Amino acid sequence: MLNAEQPVLSIRNLSMNYGDKPVLKNIDMEVYPGQIIGYIGPNGAGKSTTVKIMLGLVEGYTGDISLFGKRISDGDWEYKRNIGYVPEVIDIYDNLTASEYLTFVGELYGLSWSTANMKAKRLMHILGLGEEVYDKAISSYSKGMKQKVMLISSLLHNPDLLFLDEPLSGLDANSVMIVKELMSQLAAQGKTIFYSSHIMDVVEKISNRIVLLHEGRIVADGTFESLKHHSQEGTLEQIFTQMTGFHEHAAIAEEFVSIVQEV
C-alpha cells in the first residue's frame, strides 16, 4: 500500500492550449491514496484533457505533473504500469476474443500469459460473463459486455491509480451496484480513483472529494458536505448549476418540447 501521507498525484500550474484556445488554466491539485475524486464539469471544461496529459497521451502543456513521486516530463513511463484507465468511448480491439484481448493487455502490464488468463477468466465469470463468451469475438458483445471487459482490463494488473470516465455506461442495475461497491473497497485498500461522470447523484454518493472544473479552472474542490455548506445548495446537481452559471435547462427543455409538439 502507498504511503497515505505522500500524494499519488501532484499538479502544479498546469495549462494547455489547443491552438489559440486555452483549455486548462493554472490547475493545481494534490491527490492522496484512498481518495475517490469526483472529477466533474461541463463538456469542454478540460476534464478529458487533464486525464490524457497524465496518461502521457497529450503533449504541449505547461506546468509540472508528478505521479508516484516522479515527474512525467522526465520521460520515464514506468509509472504507467501502475495506472488503469477506462475511457468514455470504448476503444477496444473487438476483432479479438475477450481471452485474446485481456491476456494481451495483461502481458503489456507485465503479467505472465497464464496469470492474466486465470485472473481474466475469473473476473469475467464474477461479472456474469462465462466461458461461453470468453472465447467469442468482442464484436459480438453488447455495449454493457464491452464495458465490463474494459473495466476488467483496467484492473487486471492491480493498479494503484485508476481513471474512470463514465464507467457505468451501458451497465445493468446489478452491475452498477457491483462497480460502485468495487470502487469503495478499492479506495479502502488505498487505491486512488479519478471518477468522471455527468451522473451527479452517483458522483455525490461515491466520491469523498469532488473537483469541479469550469472553463479550464478549478472552481470547487472539497467533500460534498463542504461544497453544500459553501453554496447553500441541496444536491450536487444544484451546486454544479450554481458554480457553472447554467440556469437555462428548464427554458431549453420547454422550447424543445414546444417544437416537438408543433403540427
C-alpha atoms as a PDB file:
ATOM      1  CA  MET A   1       0.000   0.000   0.000  1.00  0.00           C
ATOM      2  CA  LEU A   2       1.227   3.501  -0.788  1.00  0.00           C
ATOM      3  CA  ASN A   3       2.204   5.974   1.912  1.00  0.00           C
ATOM      4  CA  ALA A   4      -1.025   7.791   2.780  1.00  0.00           C
ATOM      5  CA  GLU A   5       0.920  10.964   3.591  1.00  0.00           C
ATOM      6  CA  GLN A   6       2.557  11.184   0.165  1.00  0.00           C
ATOM      7  CA  PRO A   7       0.498  12.359  -2.830  1.00  0.00           C
ATOM      8  CA  VAL A   8      -0.117   9.846  -5.594  1.00  0.00           C
ATOM      9  CA  LEU A   9      -0.582  12.763  -7.954  1.00  0.00           C
ATOM     10  CA  SER A  10       0.692  16.328  -7.831  1.00  0.00           C
ATOM     11  CA  ILE A  11      -0.221  19.002 -10.390  1.00  0.00           C
ATOM     12  CA  ARG A  12       1.279  22.475 -10.383  1.00  0.00           C
ATOM     13  CA  ASN A  13       0.287  25.361 -12.687  1.00  0.00           C
ATOM     14  CA  LEU A  14      -0.993  23.029 -15.418  1.00  0.00           C
ATOM     15  CA  SER A  15      -2.083  24.935 -18.524  1.00  0.00           C
ATOM     16  CA  MET A  16      -2.888  23.762 -22.020  1.00  0.00           C
ATOM     17  CA  ASN A  17      -3.971  25.446 -25.247  1.00  0.00           C
ATOM     18  CA  TYR A  18      -5.411  23.939 -28.393  1.00  0.00           C
ATOM     19  CA  GLY A  19      -4.262  26.474 -30.947  1.00  0.00           C
ATOM     20  CA  ASP A  20      -5.325  29.863 -29.599  1.00  0.00           C
ATOM     21  CA  LYS A  21      -7.958  28.357 -27.320  1.00  0.00           C
ATOM     22  CA  PRO A  22      -6.988  27.882 -23.643  1.00  0.00           C
ATOM     23  CA  VAL A  23      -8.344  24.565 -22.342  1.00  0.00           C
ATOM     24  CA  LEU A  24      -6.650  24.368 -18.924  1.00  0.00           C
ATOM     25  CA  LYS A  25      -5.680  27.410 -16.878  1.00  0.00           C
ATOM     26  CA  ASN A  26      -3.227  27.020 -13.986  1.00  0.00           C
ATOM     27  CA  ILE A  27      -4.600  23.832 -12.467  1.00  0.00           C
ATOM     28  CA  ASP A  28      -3.205  22.938  -9.013  1.00  0.00           C
ATOM     29  CA  MET A  29      -4.096  19.692  -7.275  1.00  0.00           C
ATOM     30  CA  GLU A  30      -2.711  17.058  -4.932  1.00  0.00           C
ATOM     31  CA  VAL A  31      -4.364  13.652  -4.682  1.00  0.00           C
ATOM     32  CA  TYR A  32      -3.681  11.087  -1.955  1.00  0.00           C
ATOM     33  CA  PRO A  33      -4.063   7.300  -1.581  1.00  0.00           C
ATOM     34  CA  GLY A  34      -7.584   6.122  -0.824  1.00  0.00           C
ATOM     35  CA  GLN A  35      -9.359   9.113  -2.324  1.00  0.00           C
ATOM     36  CA  ILE A  36     -12.228   8.790  -4.793  1.00  0.00           C
ATOM     37  CA  ILE A  37     -12.133  12.026  -6.762  1.00  0.00           C
ATOM     38  CA  GLY A  38     -15.347  13.010  -8.489  1.00  0.00           C
ATOM     39  CA  TYR A  39     -13.854  14.993 -11.390  1.00  0.00           C
ATOM     40  CA  ILE A  40     -16.768  16.851 -12.961  1.00  0.00           C
ATOM     41  CA  GLY A  41     -17.544  19.766 -15.227  1.00  0.00           C
ATOM     42  CA  PRO A  42     -19.465  20.731 -18.373  1.00  0.00           C
ATOM     43  CA  ASN A  43     -18.402  19.379 -21.764  1.00  0.00           C
ATOM     44  CA  GLY A  44     -15.298  21.243 -22.890  1.00  0.00           C
ATOM     45  CA  ALA A  45     -14.248  22.139 -19.323  1.00  0.00           C
ATOM     46  CA  GLY A  46     -10.927  20.296 -19.727  1.00  0.00           C
ATOM     47  CA  LYS A  47     -11.594  17.055 -17.800  1.00  0.00           C
ATOM     48  CA  SER A  48     -10.542  14.615 -20.520  1.00  0.00           C
ATOM     49  CA  THR A  49      -7.548  16.772 -21.454  1.00  0.00           C
ATOM     50  CA  THR A  50      -6.310  16.679 -17.844  1.00  0.00           C
ATOM     51  CA  VAL A  51      -6.554  12.897 -17.732  1.00  0.00           C
ATOM     52  CA  LYS A  52      -4.937  12.391 -21.135  1.00  0.00           C
ATOM     53  CA  ILE A  53      -1.999  14.582 -20.108  1.00  0.00           C
ATOM     54  CA  MET A  54      -1.483  12.453 -17.006  1.00  0.00           C
ATOM     55  CA  LEU A  55      -1.665   9.310 -19.126  1.00  0.00           C
ATOM     56  CA  GLY A  56       1.011  10.681 -21.441  1.00  0.00           C
ATOM     57  CA  LEU A  57      -1.396  10.819 -24.385  1.00  0.00           C
ATOM     58  CA  VAL A  58      -1.282  14.611 -24.857  1.00  0.00           C
ATOM     59  CA  GLU A  59       1.779  16.849 -25.000  1.00  0.00           C
ATOM     60  CA  GLY A  60       2.283  20.591 -25.352  1.00  0.00           C
ATOM     61  CA  TYR A  61       1.190  21.546 -21.830  1.00  0.00           C
ATOM     62  CA  THR A  62       2.999  23.816 -19.411  1.00  0.00           C
ATOM     63  CA  GLY A  63       3.363  23.217 -15.689  1.00  0.00           C
ATOM     64  CA  ASP A  64       4.556  20.271 -13.652  1.00  0.00           C
ATOM     65  CA  ILE A  65       2.933  16.861 -13.052  1.00  0.00           C
ATOM     66  CA  SER A  66       4.254  14.133 -10.773  1.00  0.00           C
ATOM     67  CA  LEU A  67       2.808  10.648 -10.410  1.00  0.00           C
ATOM     68  CA  PHE A  68       4.028   8.381  -7.623  1.00  0.00           C
ATOM     69  CA  GLY A  69       6.693  10.972  -6.834  1.00  0.00           C
ATOM     70  CA  LYS A  70       8.165  11.118 -10.356  1.00  0.00           C
ATOM     71  CA  ARG A  71       7.782  13.949 -12.854  1.00  0.00           C
ATOM     72  CA  ILE A  72       6.209  12.615 -16.043  1.00  0.00           C
ATOM     73  CA  SER A  73       8.152  15.176 -18.103  1.00  0.00           C
ATOM     74  CA  ASP A  74      11.330  13.235 -17.289  1.00  0.00           C
ATOM     75  CA  GLY A  75      10.236  10.646 -19.856  1.00  0.00           C
ATOM     76  CA  ASP A  76      10.255   7.582 -17.605  1.00  0.00           C
ATOM     77  CA  TRP A  77       6.989   5.861 -18.490  1.00  0.00           C
ATOM     78  CA  GLU A  78       7.365   3.128 -15.855  1.00  0.00           C
ATOM     79  CA  TYR A  79       4.614   4.809 -13.807  1.00  0.00           C
ATOM     80  CA  LYS A  80       2.080   3.726 -16.426  1.00  0.00           C
ATOM     81  CA  ARG A  81       2.343   0.155 -15.166  1.00  0.00           C
ATOM     82  CA  ASN A  82       0.598   1.354 -12.021  1.00  0.00           C
ATOM     83  CA  ILE A  83      -2.335   3.045 -13.758  1.00  0.00           C
ATOM     84  CA  GLY A  84      -5.677   1.738 -15.019  1.00  0.00           C
ATOM     85  CA  TYR A  85      -7.903   3.613 -17.462  1.00  0.00           C
ATOM     86  CA  VAL A  86     -11.459   3.263 -18.750  1.00  0.00           C
ATOM     87  CA  PRO A  87     -12.145   5.896 -21.463  1.00  0.00           C
ATOM     88  CA  GLU A  88     -15.555   7.421 -22.050  1.00  0.00           C
ATOM     89  CA  VAL A  89     -15.712   5.974 -25.560  1.00  0.00           C
ATOM     90  CA  ILE A  90     -14.980   2.253 -25.637  1.00  0.00           C
ATOM     91  CA  ASP A  91     -11.734   1.805 -27.557  1.00  0.00           C
ATOM     92  CA  ILE A  92     -11.155  -1.903 -27.888  1.00  0.00           C
ATOM     93  CA  TYR A  93      -9.812  -4.373 -30.463  1.00  0.00           C
ATOM     94  CA  ASP A  94     -13.181  -6.017 -30.938  1.00  0.00           C
ATOM     95  CA  ASN A  95     -11.977  -8.399 -33.634  1.00  0.00           C
ATOM     96  CA  LEU A  96     -10.190 -10.216 -30.791  1.00  0.00           C
ATOM     97  CA  THR A  97     -11.868 -12.510 -28.295  1.00  0.00           C
ATOM     98  CA  ALA A  98     -12.031 -11.414 -24.658  1.00  0.00           C
ATOM     99  CA  SER A  99      -9.445 -14.086 -23.917  1.00  0.00           C
ATOM    100  CA  GLU A 100      -7.048 -12.707 -26.527  1.00  0.00           C
ATOM    101  CA  TYR A 101      -7.618  -9.068 -25.591  1.00  0.00           C
ATOM    102  CA  LEU A 102      -7.327  -9.420 -21.825  1.00  0.00           C
ATOM    103  CA  THR A 103      -4.245 -11.645 -21.902  1.00  0.00           C
ATOM    104  CA  PHE A 104      -2.658  -9.202 -24.365  1.00  0.00           C
ATOM    105  CA  VAL A 105      -3.366  -6.279 -22.015  1.00  0.00           C
ATOM    106  CA  GLY A 106      -2.163  -8.273 -19.021  1.00  0.00           C
ATOM    107  CA  GLU A 107       1.145  -9.069 -20.721  1.00  0.00           C
ATOM    108  CA  LEU A 108       1.606  -5.391 -21.633  1.00  0.00           C
ATOM    109  CA  TYR A 109       1.438  -4.638 -17.918  1.00  0.00           C
ATOM    110  CA  GLY A 110       3.995  -7.322 -17.079  1.00  0.00           C
ATOM    111  CA  LEU A 111       1.762 -10.247 -16.146  1.00  0.00           C
ATOM    112  CA  SER A 112       2.518 -13.699 -17.488  1.00  0.00           C
ATOM    113  CA  TRP A 113       0.030 -15.090 -20.010  1.00  0.00           C
ATOM    114  CA  SER A 114      -1.137 -17.785 -17.602  1.00  0.00           C
ATOM    115  CA  THR A 115      -1.693 -15.309 -14.742  1.00  0.00           C
ATOM    116  CA  ALA A 116      -3.534 -12.849 -16.985  1.00  0.00           C
ATOM    117  CA  ASN A 117      -5.702 -15.627 -18.409  1.00  0.00           C
ATOM    118  CA  MET A 118      -6.534 -17.051 -14.988  1.00  0.00           C
ATOM    119  CA  LYS A 119      -7.449 -13.659 -13.500  1.00  0.00           C
ATOM    120  CA  ALA A 120      -9.384 -12.522 -16.598  1.00  0.00           C
ATOM    121  CA  LYS A 121     -11.456 -15.703 -16.740  1.00  0.00           C
ATOM    122  CA  ARG A 122     -12.366 -15.458 -13.054  1.00  0.00           C
ATOM    123  CA  LEU A 123     -13.210 -11.743 -13.266  1.00  0.00           C
ATOM    124  CA  MET A 124     -15.350 -12.306 -16.359  1.00  0.00           C
ATOM    125  CA  HIS A 125     -17.262 -15.021 -14.502  1.00  0.00           C
ATOM    126  CA  ILE A 126     -17.849 -12.773 -11.466  1.00  0.00           C
ATOM    127  CA  LEU A 127     -19.340 -10.096 -13.755  1.00  0.00           C
ATOM    128  CA  GLY A 128     -21.683 -12.597 -15.371  1.00  0.00           C
ATOM    129  CA  LEU A 129     -19.636 -13.341 -18.487  1.00  0.00           C
ATOM    130  CA  GLY A 130     -18.987 -17.062 -18.515  1.00  0.00           C
ATOM    131  CA  GLU A 131     -16.660 -19.266 -20.555  1.00  0.00           C
ATOM    132  CA  GLU A 132     -19.230 -19.436 -23.356  1.00  0.00           C
ATOM    133  CA  VAL A 133     -18.398 -15.813 -24.286  1.00  0.00           C
ATOM    134  CA  TYR A 134     -14.781 -15.656 -23.088  1.00  0.00           C
ATOM    135  CA  ASP A 135     -13.563 -17.108 -26.392  1.00  0.00           C
ATOM    136  CA  LYS A 136     -16.009 -15.229 -28.620  1.00  0.00           C
ATOM    137  CA  ALA A 137     -15.123 -12.102 -30.609  1.00  0.00           C
ATOM    138  CA  ILE A 138     -15.791  -8.927 -28.641  1.00  0.00           C
ATOM    139  CA  SER A 139     -17.544  -7.521 -31.730  1.00  0.00           C
ATOM    140  CA  SER A 140     -20.446  -9.851 -30.871  1.00  0.00           C
ATOM    141  CA  TYR A 141     -20.798  -8.340 -27.375  1.00  0.00           C
ATOM    142  CA  SER A 142     -23.427  -5.868 -26.228  1.00  0.00           C
ATOM    143  CA  LYS A 143     -22.344  -2.411 -25.050  1.00  0.00           C
ATOM    144  CA  GLY A 144     -22.617  -3.480 -21.420  1.00  0.00           C
ATOM    145  CA  MET A 145     -20.499  -6.585 -22.019  1.00  0.00           C
ATOM    146  CA  LYS A 146     -17.805  -4.499 -23.719  1.00  0.00           C
ATOM    147  CA  GLN A 147     -17.853  -2.083 -20.783  1.00  0.00           C
ATOM    148  CA  LYS A 148     -17.240  -4.977 -18.390  1.00  0.00           C
ATOM    149  CA  VAL A 149     -14.256  -6.108 -20.474  1.00  0.00           C
ATOM    150  CA  MET A 150     -12.848  -2.573 -20.329  1.00  0.00           C
ATOM    151  CA  LEU A 151     -13.276  -2.477 -16.541  1.00  0.00           C
ATOM    152  CA  ILE A 152     -11.510  -5.814 -16.197  1.00  0.00           C
ATOM    153  CA  SER A 153      -8.658  -4.702 -18.468  1.00  0.00           C
ATOM    154  CA  SER A 154      -8.159  -1.579 -16.347  1.00  0.00           C
ATOM    155  CA  LEU A 155      -7.883  -3.563 -13.112  1.00  0.00           C
ATOM    156  CA  LEU A 156      -6.235  -6.808 -14.214  1.00  0.00           C
ATOM    157  CA  HIS A 157      -2.749  -5.649 -13.165  1.00  0.00           C
ATOM    158  CA  ASN A 158      -3.892  -4.316  -9.763  1.00  0.00           C
ATOM    159  CA  PRO A 159      -3.067  -0.608 -10.339  1.00  0.00           C
ATOM    160  CA  ASP A 160      -2.818   1.954  -7.531  1.00  0.00           C
ATOM    161  CA  LEU A 161      -4.311   4.791  -9.611  1.00  0.00           C
ATOM    162  CA  LEU A 162      -7.463   4.335 -11.650  1.00  0.00           C
ATOM    163  CA  PHE A 163      -9.024   6.763 -14.136  1.00  0.00           C
ATOM    164  CA  LEU A 164     -12.688   6.004 -14.854  1.00  0.00           C
ATOM    165  CA  ASP A 165     -14.557   8.102 -17.412  1.00  0.00           C
ATOM    166  CA  GLU A 166     -18.295   7.258 -17.372  1.00  0.00           C
ATOM    167  CA  PRO A 167     -17.539   3.663 -16.266  1.00  0.00           C
ATOM    168  CA  LEU A 168     -21.208   2.796 -15.645  1.00  0.00           C
ATOM    169  CA  SER A 169     -22.262   3.444 -19.249  1.00  0.00           C
ATOM    170  CA  GLY A 170     -24.271   0.531 -20.626  1.00  0.00           C
ATOM    171  CA  LEU A 171     -24.239  -1.489 -17.404  1.00  0.00           C
ATOM    172  CA  ASP A 172     -27.379  -3.057 -15.938  1.00  0.00           C
ATOM    173  CA  ALA A 173     -28.593  -2.116 -12.449  1.00  0.00           C
ATOM    174  CA  ASN A 174     -26.914  -5.072 -10.695  1.00  0.00           C
ATOM    175  CA  SER A 175     -23.572  -4.386 -12.388  1.00  0.00           C
ATOM    176  CA  VAL A 176     -23.799  -0.697 -11.440  1.00  0.00           C
ATOM    177  CA  MET A 177     -24.157  -1.669  -7.782  1.00  0.00           C
ATOM    178  CA  ILE A 178     -21.181  -4.032  -8.055  1.00  0.00           C
ATOM    179  CA  VAL A 179     -18.939  -1.393  -9.651  1.00  0.00           C
ATOM    180  CA  LYS A 180     -19.909   1.252  -7.081  1.00  0.00           C
ATOM    181  CA  GLU A 181     -19.103  -1.155  -4.242  1.00  0.00           C
ATOM    182  CA  LEU A 182     -15.912  -2.189  -6.037  1.00  0.00           C
ATOM    183  CA  MET A 183     -14.704   1.428  -6.058  1.00  0.00           C
ATOM    184  CA  SER A 184     -15.414   1.796  -2.346  1.00  0.00           C
ATOM    185  CA  GLN A 185     -13.486  -1.361  -1.498  1.00  0.00           C
ATOM    186  CA  LEU A 186     -10.525  -0.408  -3.703  1.00  0.00           C
ATOM    187  CA  ALA A 187     -10.354   3.013  -2.040  1.00  0.00           C
ATOM    188  CA  ALA A 188     -10.462   1.355   1.382  1.00  0.00           C
ATOM    189  CA  GLN A 189      -7.354  -0.595   0.341  1.00  0.00           C
ATOM    190  CA  GLY A 190      -5.529   2.624  -0.533  1.00  0.00           C
ATOM    191  CA  LYS A 191      -6.233   2.744  -4.260  1.00  0.00           C
ATOM    192  CA  THR A 192      -6.875   6.185  -5.748  1.00  0.00           C
ATOM    193  CA  ILE A 193      -9.758   6.654  -8.187  1.00  0.00           C
ATOM    194  CA  PHE A 194     -10.388   9.540 -10.554  1.00  0.00           C
ATOM    195  CA  TYR A 195     -14.080   9.250 -11.394  1.00  0.00           C
ATOM    196  CA  SER A 196     -15.565  11.410 -14.143  1.00  0.00           C
ATOM    197  CA  SER A 197     -19.275  11.343 -14.891  1.00  0.00           C
ATOM    198  CA  HIS A 198     -22.246  13.540 -15.759  1.00  0.00           C
ATOM    199  CA  ILE A 199     -24.494  11.485 -13.464  1.00  0.00           C
ATOM    200  CA  MET A 200     -24.367  13.845 -10.498  1.00  0.00           C
ATOM    201  CA  ASP A 201     -26.195  11.684  -7.962  1.00  0.00           C
ATOM    202  CA  VAL A 202     -23.670   8.850  -8.435  1.00  0.00           C
ATOM    203  CA  VAL A 203     -20.708  11.239  -8.096  1.00  0.00           C
ATOM    204  CA  GLU A 204     -22.312  12.701  -4.976  1.00  0.00           C
ATOM    205  CA  LYS A 205     -22.720   9.285  -3.328  1.00  0.00           C
ATOM    206  CA  ILE A 206     -19.409   7.588  -4.114  1.00  0.00           C
ATOM    207  CA  SER A 207     -16.869  10.446  -4.025  1.00  0.00           C
ATOM    208  CA  ASN A 208     -15.096  11.508  -0.841  1.00  0.00           C
ATOM    209  CA  ARG A 209     -13.742  14.533  -2.705  1.00  0.00           C
ATOM    210  CA  ILE A 210     -15.293  16.464  -5.590  1.00  0.00           C
ATOM    211  CA  VAL A 211     -13.330  18.661  -8.006  1.00  0.00           C
ATOM    212  CA  LEU A 212     -15.431  20.864 -10.291  1.00  0.00           C
ATOM    213  CA  LEU A 213     -13.765  22.184 -13.427  1.00  0.00           C
ATOM    214  CA  HIS A 214     -15.293  25.080 -15.351  1.00  0.00           C
ATOM    215  CA  GLU A 215     -13.762  26.811 -18.375  1.00  0.00           C
ATOM    216  CA  GLY A 216     -10.378  25.279 -17.632  1.00  0.00           C
ATOM    217  CA  ARG A 217     -10.219  26.290 -13.973  1.00  0.00           C
ATOM    218  CA  ILE A 218     -10.984  24.503 -10.701  1.00  0.00           C
ATOM    219  CA  VAL A 219     -13.945  26.373  -9.218  1.00  0.00           C
ATOM    220  CA  ALA A 220     -14.686  23.961  -6.356  1.00  0.00           C
ATOM    221  CA  ASP A 221     -12.674  21.317  -4.503  1.00  0.00           C
ATOM    222  CA  GLY A 222     -13.793  19.516  -1.356  1.00  0.00           C
ATOM    223  CA  THR A 223     -16.184  16.999   0.135  1.00  0.00           C
ATOM    224  CA  PHE A 224     -19.807  17.121  -0.909  1.00  0.00           C
ATOM    225  CA  GLU A 225     -20.757  18.383   2.549  1.00  0.00           C
ATOM    226  CA  SER A 226     -18.252  21.248   2.384  1.00  0.00           C
ATOM    227  CA  LEU A 227     -19.390  22.245  -1.120  1.00  0.00           C
ATOM    228  CA  LYS A 228     -23.009  22.155   0.025  1.00  0.00           C
ATOM    229  CA  HIS A 229     -22.173  24.315   3.042  1.00  0.00           C
ATOM    230  CA  HIS A 230     -20.435  26.997   0.956  1.00  0.00           C
ATOM    231  CA  SER A 231     -23.038  27.088  -1.810  1.00  0.00           C
ATOM    232  CA  GLN A 232     -26.144  26.684   0.354  1.00  0.00           C
ATOM    233  CA  GLU A 233     -27.500  24.203  -2.215  1.00  0.00           C
ATOM    234  CA  GLY A 234     -29.003  20.785  -1.502  1.00  0.00           C
ATOM    235  CA  THR A 235     -27.728  18.487  -4.254  1.00  0.00           C
ATOM    236  CA  LEU A 236     -24.558  18.217  -6.311  1.00  0.00           C
ATOM    237  CA  GLU A 237     -26.601  18.950  -9.430  1.00  0.00           C
ATOM    238  CA  GLN A 238     -27.743  22.244  -7.892  1.00  0.00           C
ATOM    239  CA  ILE A 239     -24.178  23.075  -6.804  1.00  0.00           C
ATOM    240  CA  PHE A 240     -22.986  22.267 -10.325  1.00  0.00           C
ATOM    241  CA  THR A 241     -25.615  24.597 -11.793  1.00  0.00           C
ATOM    242  CA  GLN A 242     -24.702  27.406  -9.426  1.00  0.00           C
ATOM    243  CA  MET A 243     -20.943  27.102  -9.950  1.00  0.00           C
ATOM    244  CA  THR A 244     -21.106  26.866 -13.745  1.00  0.00           C
ATOM    245  CA  GLY A 245     -23.801  29.520 -14.145  1.00  0.00           C
ATOM    246  CA  PHE A 246     -26.069  27.285 -16.243  1.00  0.00           C
ATOM    247  CA  HIS A 247     -29.682  28.048 -15.380  1.00  0.00           C
ATOM    248  CA  GLU A 248     -31.364  27.711 -18.774  1.00  0.00           C
ATOM    249  CA  HIS A 249     -32.146  23.979 -18.649  1.00  0.00           C
ATOM    250  CA  ALA A 250     -35.866  24.439 -17.955  1.00  0.00           C
ATOM    251  CA  ALA A 251     -36.298  27.079 -20.677  1.00  0.00           C
ATOM    252  CA  ILE A 252     -34.397  24.986 -23.220  1.00  0.00           C
ATOM    253  CA  ALA A 253     -36.444  21.879 -22.392  1.00  0.00           C
ATOM    254  CA  GLU A 254     -39.675  23.886 -22.679  1.00  0.00           C
ATOM    255  CA  GLU A 255     -38.683  25.252 -26.087  1.00  0.00           C
ATOM    256  CA  PHE A 256     -37.640  21.784 -27.266  1.00  0.00           C
ATOM    257  CA  VAL A 257     -40.990  20.279 -26.230  1.00  0.00           C
ATOM    258  CA  SER A 258     -42.915  23.093 -27.898  1.00  0.00           C
ATOM    259  CA  ILE A 259     -41.141  22.434 -31.216  1.00  0.00           C
ATOM    260  CA  VAL A 260     -41.782  18.686 -30.939  1.00  0.00           C
ATOM    261  CA  GLN A 261     -45.476  19.354 -30.428  1.00  0.00           C
ATOM    262  CA  GLU A 262     -45.809  21.677 -33.412  1.00  0.00           C
ATOM    263  CA  VAL A 263     -48.261  20.468 -36.056  1.00  0.00           C
END
